[in-house]
Protein backbone atom coordinates (compact mmCIF):
# COMPACT_ATOMS: atom_id res chain seq x y z
CA MET A 1 -0.07 25.08 20.11
CA ALA A 2 -1.08 25.65 16.00
CA GLU A 3 0.72 29.15 14.95
CA PRO A 4 -0.09 30.72 11.74
CA ASP A 5 3.01 32.39 10.23
CA GLU A 6 2.23 35.64 9.00
CA GLY A 7 3.36 37.54 5.74
CA HIS A 8 2.06 34.40 3.45
CA ILE A 9 -0.61 35.73 1.32
CA ALA A 10 -0.77 32.76 -1.19
CA MET A 11 -0.07 30.32 1.07
CA SER A 12 -1.31 29.35 4.80
CA ARG A 13 0.96 27.86 7.06
CA TRP A 14 0.81 26.58 10.56
CA THR A 15 3.87 25.73 13.23
CA ILE A 16 2.30 22.71 15.69
CA GLU A 17 3.52 21.78 18.97
CA GLU A 18 0.59 20.09 20.73
CA PRO A 19 -2.95 18.32 19.80
CA THR A 20 -4.73 20.39 17.83
CA THR A 21 -7.27 20.08 14.93
CA LEU A 22 -7.25 22.66 11.44
CA ASP A 23 -10.07 22.90 8.90
CA PHE A 24 -9.20 23.41 5.33
CA ASP A 25 -11.69 25.44 2.69
CA GLY A 26 -10.11 22.64 -0.15
CA VAL A 27 -7.68 20.05 -0.40
CA VAL A 28 -6.79 18.64 -4.12
CA ALA A 29 -3.57 16.79 -3.40
CA LEU A 30 -2.07 16.03 0.06
CA ARG A 31 1.46 15.10 0.92
CA VAL A 32 2.91 13.52 4.20
CA THR A 33 6.21 13.27 5.52
CA LEU A 34 6.68 10.95 8.71
CA ILE A 35 9.80 9.69 11.08
CA ALA A 36 7.67 7.73 13.17
CA GLY A 37 4.05 7.76 14.80
CA SER A 38 1.21 7.25 12.70
CA VAL A 39 -0.92 8.86 10.00
CA SER A 40 -4.41 7.54 9.14
CA VAL A 41 -6.15 8.95 5.72
CA LEU A 42 -9.59 8.81 5.45
CA ALA A 43 -11.84 10.29 2.73
CA SER A 44 -15.24 12.46 3.73
CA ASP A 45 -17.71 14.64 2.10
CA GLU A 46 -17.09 16.59 5.05
CA ARG A 47 -14.42 19.95 5.34
CA PRO A 48 -10.92 18.49 5.15
CA SER A 49 -8.91 18.32 8.09
CA ILE A 50 -6.13 17.37 10.13
CA MET A 51 -6.08 16.32 13.57
CA VAL A 52 -3.03 15.87 15.69
CA GLY A 53 -3.00 13.94 18.38
CA ASP A 54 0.76 13.78 19.48
CA VAL A 55 3.97 15.36 18.69
CA GLU A 56 7.12 14.58 20.01
CA GLY A 57 10.24 16.34 18.94
CA PRO A 58 10.29 18.90 16.12
CA PRO A 59 7.01 20.85 15.78
CA LEU A 60 4.81 19.86 12.58
CA ILE A 61 5.23 22.49 9.70
CA VAL A 62 1.47 22.30 8.05
CA THR A 63 1.12 24.15 4.74
CA HIS A 64 -2.02 24.62 2.81
CA GLU A 65 -1.03 26.64 -0.56
CA ALA A 66 -3.16 26.45 -3.71
CA GLY A 67 -5.19 23.16 -2.33
CA MET A 68 -1.87 21.31 -2.06
CA LEU A 69 -1.81 20.55 1.86
CA THR A 70 1.58 19.35 2.97
CA VAL A 71 2.86 18.23 6.35
CA THR A 72 6.22 17.28 7.80
CA HIS A 73 8.21 17.97 10.88
CA GLU A 74 10.24 21.02 11.00
CA LYS A 75 13.38 19.55 11.57
CA LEU A 76 12.90 17.74 8.13
CA LEU A 77 13.07 21.06 6.11
CA GLU A 78 16.17 22.18 7.73
CA GLY A 79 17.58 18.84 6.65
CA VAL A 80 19.37 18.80 10.35
CA LEU A 81 19.83 14.56 10.59
CA SER A 82 22.43 14.67 13.32
CA TRP A 83 19.68 16.52 15.23
CA LEU A 84 17.26 13.74 14.21
CA ARG A 85 19.79 11.09 15.27
CA THR A 86 19.57 12.23 18.63
CA HIS A 87 16.35 12.97 19.67
CA LYS A 88 12.91 11.24 19.41
CA VAL A 89 10.61 12.62 16.17
CA ARG A 90 7.15 11.11 16.47
CA ALA A 91 3.95 12.46 15.63
CA ALA A 92 0.33 10.85 15.55
CA ILE A 93 -2.04 12.33 12.55
CA THR A 94 -5.51 11.95 11.12
CA VAL A 95 -6.29 13.56 7.88
CA THR A 96 -9.98 13.69 6.36
CA VAL A 97 -9.96 14.96 2.68
CA PRO A 98 -12.26 14.35 -0.59
CA HIS A 99 -11.97 10.97 -1.73
CA ASP A 100 -11.00 12.04 -5.30
CA CYS A 101 -8.02 13.84 -3.33
CA PRO A 102 -4.59 11.94 -4.37
CA VAL A 103 -2.51 11.56 -1.30
CA SER A 104 1.47 11.04 -1.52
CA LEU A 105 2.93 9.49 1.98
CA ASN A 106 6.46 9.18 2.84
CA LEU A 107 7.27 7.22 5.84
CA VAL A 108 10.37 5.99 8.19
CA SER A 109 8.73 4.00 10.92
CA ALA A 110 5.52 5.49 11.12
CA ASP A 111 2.53 3.27 10.58
CA ALA A 112 -0.07 4.35 7.89
CA VAL A 113 -4.23 3.80 7.44
CA VAL A 114 -5.43 4.90 4.17
CA THR A 115 -9.00 4.47 3.49
CA GLY A 116 -11.82 5.33 0.27
CA MET A 117 -9.65 7.38 -1.59
CA THR A 118 -10.09 6.66 -5.74
CA THR A 119 -7.84 8.68 -7.94
CA ARG A 120 -3.80 7.87 -6.64
CA THR A 121 -2.59 7.08 -3.40
CA SER A 122 1.45 6.84 -3.15
CA ILE A 123 3.10 5.26 -0.20
CA LYS A 124 7.13 5.06 0.64
CA SER A 125 7.76 3.50 4.04
CA VAL A 126 10.95 1.96 5.55
CA SER A 127 9.37 -0.43 8.15
CA GLY A 128 6.32 1.23 8.76
CA ASP A 129 2.86 -1.20 8.60
CA VAL A 130 0.67 0.18 6.03
CA VAL A 131 -2.86 -0.38 5.84
CA LEU A 132 -5.50 0.23 2.78
CA ASP A 133 -8.96 -0.55 2.86
CA GLY A 134 -11.61 0.19 -0.21
CA VAL A 135 -9.50 2.07 -1.90
CA ALA A 136 -9.33 2.39 -5.84
CA GLY A 137 -7.51 3.71 -8.33
CA ALA A 138 -4.08 3.57 -9.19
CA ILE A 139 -2.19 2.44 -6.05
CA ASP A 140 1.21 2.74 -5.29
CA ALA A 141 3.16 0.89 -2.11
CA ASN A 142 6.91 0.62 -1.26
CA THR A 143 8.39 -0.77 1.60
CA MET A 144 11.79 -1.89 2.76
CA SER A 145 11.27 -4.00 5.79
CA GLY A 146 6.80 -3.20 6.72
CA ALA A 147 4.21 -5.32 6.33
CA ILE A 148 1.74 -3.86 3.69
CA GLU A 149 -2.07 -5.25 4.31
CA ALA A 150 -5.06 -4.06 2.04
CA GLN A 151 -8.89 -5.01 1.50
CA GLY A 152 -11.24 -4.27 -1.00
CA LEU A 153 -8.84 -2.63 -3.59
CA ASP A 154 -9.82 -1.51 -6.95
CA GLY A 155 -7.98 -0.30 -9.86
CA THR A 156 -4.49 -0.66 -10.50
CA VAL A 157 -2.18 -2.10 -8.17
CA SER A 158 1.78 -2.26 -7.05
CA PHE A 159 3.50 -3.48 -4.61
CA THR A 160 7.20 -3.34 -3.91
CA SER A 161 8.80 -4.75 -0.45
CA VAL A 162 12.41 -5.82 0.00
CA SER A 163 11.33 -8.27 3.52
CA GLY A 164 7.92 -6.98 4.27
CA ASP A 165 5.02 -9.46 3.81
CA LEU A 166 2.46 -8.34 1.51
CA THR A 167 -1.32 -8.85 1.66
CA LEU A 168 -3.92 -8.64 -0.35
CA ALA A 169 -8.12 -9.79 -0.22
CA GLY A 170 -11.10 -9.03 -1.53
CA ALA A 171 -9.93 -6.95 -4.70
CA SER A 172 -11.07 -6.36 -8.58
CA VAL A 173 -7.60 -5.32 -9.96
CA ASP A 174 -7.04 -4.42 -13.84
CA ARG A 175 -3.25 -4.99 -13.15
CA LEU A 176 -1.40 -6.14 -10.01
CA GLY A 177 2.43 -5.97 -9.93
CA ALA A 178 4.11 -7.41 -6.63
CA ARG A 179 7.97 -7.87 -6.20
CA THR A 180 9.53 -8.65 -3.05
CA VAL A 181 13.02 -10.02 -1.65
CA SER A 182 11.96 -12.49 0.73
CA GLY A 183 8.89 -11.08 1.77
CA ARG A 184 5.87 -13.17 1.25
CA VAL A 185 3.25 -12.32 -0.64
CA ALA A 186 -0.55 -13.50 -0.38
CA ALA A 187 -3.16 -12.40 -2.43
CA ASP A 188 -7.09 -12.97 -2.74
CA VAL A 189 -8.24 -11.62 -6.27
CA ASP A 190 -10.77 -11.67 -8.64
CA LEU A 191 -9.68 -11.04 -12.35
CA SER A 192 -11.76 -8.39 -13.98
CA GLY A 193 -11.70 -8.46 -18.03
CA GLY A 194 -8.08 -8.46 -19.24
CA ALA A 195 -6.55 -8.39 -15.76
CA GLY A 196 -2.82 -8.89 -15.23
CA VAL A 197 -0.91 -10.02 -12.35
CA ASP A 198 2.87 -10.23 -12.25
CA VAL A 199 4.59 -11.56 -8.74
CA ASN A 200 8.31 -11.86 -8.59
CA THR A 201 10.45 -12.96 -5.59
CA VAL A 202 13.60 -13.97 -5.02
CA SER A 203 13.01 -16.59 -1.67
CA GLY A 204 9.56 -15.10 -0.58
CA GLU A 205 6.33 -17.93 -0.74
CA VAL A 206 3.65 -16.76 -2.91
CA ALA A 207 0.38 -17.66 -2.34
CA LEU A 208 -2.55 -16.81 -5.12
CA ARG A 209 -6.27 -17.43 -4.98
CA VAL A 210 -8.52 -16.83 -8.07
CA PRO A 211 -12.16 -17.68 -8.70
CA GLU A 212 -11.96 -20.57 -10.45
CA SER A 213 -14.40 -18.85 -13.28
CA ALA A 214 -11.56 -16.83 -14.32
CA GLY A 215 -10.21 -16.39 -17.38
CA ALA A 216 -6.02 -16.14 -17.48
CA HIS A 217 -2.73 -17.14 -19.10
CA VAL A 218 -1.08 -18.77 -16.34
CA SER A 219 2.98 -19.10 -16.15
CA LEU A 220 4.31 -20.27 -12.87
CA ASN A 221 8.23 -20.33 -12.63
CA SER A 222 10.35 -21.21 -9.96
CA ALA A 223 14.21 -22.42 -10.25
CA ALA A 224 14.10 -24.19 -6.57
CA GLY A 225 10.72 -23.68 -5.29
CA ARG A 226 7.46 -25.92 -5.14
CA ILE A 227 4.72 -25.38 -7.42
CA GLU A 228 0.75 -26.29 -6.41
CA THR A 229 -2.16 -25.60 -8.03
CA SER A 230 -5.79 -26.54 -7.95
CA PHE A 231 -6.36 -26.11 -11.24
CA PRO A 232 -6.23 -29.49 -13.06
CA GLY A 233 -5.65 -28.28 -16.55
CA LEU A 234 -2.68 -26.62 -16.12
CA ALA A 235 0.42 -28.38 -17.65
CA ARG A 236 3.84 -29.20 -15.12
CA GLN A 237 7.55 -29.33 -16.33
CA ASP A 238 9.99 -30.36 -14.23
CA ARG A 239 13.64 -29.84 -15.04
CA THR A 240 17.05 -30.51 -13.22
CA ILE A 241 17.09 -26.67 -12.10
CA ALA A 242 13.78 -25.96 -12.49
CA GLN A 243 10.16 -26.07 -13.02
CA SER A 244 7.19 -24.72 -14.33
CA VAL A 245 3.53 -24.60 -14.73
CA THR A 246 1.75 -22.95 -17.63
CA GLY A 247 -1.62 -23.09 -19.67
CA GLU A 248 -5.02 -21.68 -19.83
CA ILE A 249 -7.71 -21.18 -16.94
CA GLY A 250 -11.49 -20.41 -17.87
CA ASP A 251 -11.73 -18.10 -21.61
CA GLY A 252 -7.35 -17.02 -21.02
CA THR A 253 -8.30 -13.16 -21.70
CA GLY A 254 -6.04 -12.24 -18.50
CA ARG A 255 -2.32 -12.49 -17.69
CA LEU A 256 -0.81 -14.59 -14.04
CA SER A 257 2.34 -14.75 -13.87
CA VAL A 258 5.00 -15.74 -11.00
CA ASN A 259 8.09 -15.75 -10.92
CA THR A 260 10.48 -17.03 -8.18
CA VAL A 261 13.99 -18.45 -7.38
CA SER A 262 13.65 -20.23 -4.16
CA GLY A 263 10.48 -19.42 -2.84
CA PRO A 264 7.84 -21.58 -3.18
CA ILE A 265 4.16 -20.73 -5.47
CA THR A 266 0.89 -21.59 -4.44
CA LEU A 267 -2.28 -21.11 -6.88
CA LEU A 268 -5.72 -21.70 -5.58
CA GLY A 269 -9.17 -21.63 -7.12
CA ARG A 270 -12.33 -20.14 -5.34
CA ASP A 271 -15.68 -21.50 -5.77
CA ALA A 272 -18.90 -19.00 -6.81
CA ASP A 273 -19.94 -19.07 -3.25
CA GLU A 274 -17.25 -19.32 -1.02
CA PRO A 275 -16.40 -16.13 0.76
CA GLU A 276 -13.08 -14.17 -0.14
CA ILE A 277 -10.25 -14.02 2.46
CA THR A 278 -10.30 -10.36 4.22
CA THR A 279 -6.90 -9.26 6.37
CA GLY A 280 -9.06 -9.20 9.62
CA PRO A 281 -8.53 -6.57 12.27
CA ARG A 282 -5.21 -5.01 12.57
CA MET A 283 -3.41 -5.47 15.35
CA GLU A 284 -2.12 -2.84 17.28
CA LYS A 285 1.78 -2.99 18.09
């Protein structure tokens, strides 16, 4: 049950213990913190809303102040870590906000889906999986072991993971930065003029596909992993402790750099008439 707290003039606050729907006059920023469960953030031209479908453990606290919409568990606000270790904490949330609303998600094992946002999206997750669809602007996704799947991105993209895989399809990027330790990085992207792609892993495999007409300075380097490419004009150097493939494709206006320690690297070209790879429907756990 959603219970609005009294005594707040500038801030509205609800305590939610069961399935509930709330509407808001306006939302200019969204921040959600969840332990487990799921959160879906959907861009919409309709009135902003939140639908809570399931709550286990402590109630959810929803606040709306000066356009900032915040969702978190009550016990997280109190910092009772011993309580969280012995009790189940879970919630399923769907939020609709304007396309240009900045979004910040902080998750432990909760899964997230974000669609249609156009300004700034920041996600930090420990083990939850993240799906981004049709998101533009500044995008920052950081996980420990959770997988990140994204398609239709447009803008500046930063991916960071320890062991989680990163999959990016159908994107037109100004800048893509991806860093993992052992996670796999697979990206099928269009490179706009002057775009930069930088991927760094320790043992994770890297597979990139760009249009054959793309223009970029290419630098692929690995200490112990193999390097393969379908672009014939690139120069290969095989040394005792490392190998590299470098050169230019197209007009060389962009930058494509990959560095691994033991992870293999593959760079492929895509024909103009060949469809981009999509991530496909998300499989439920």
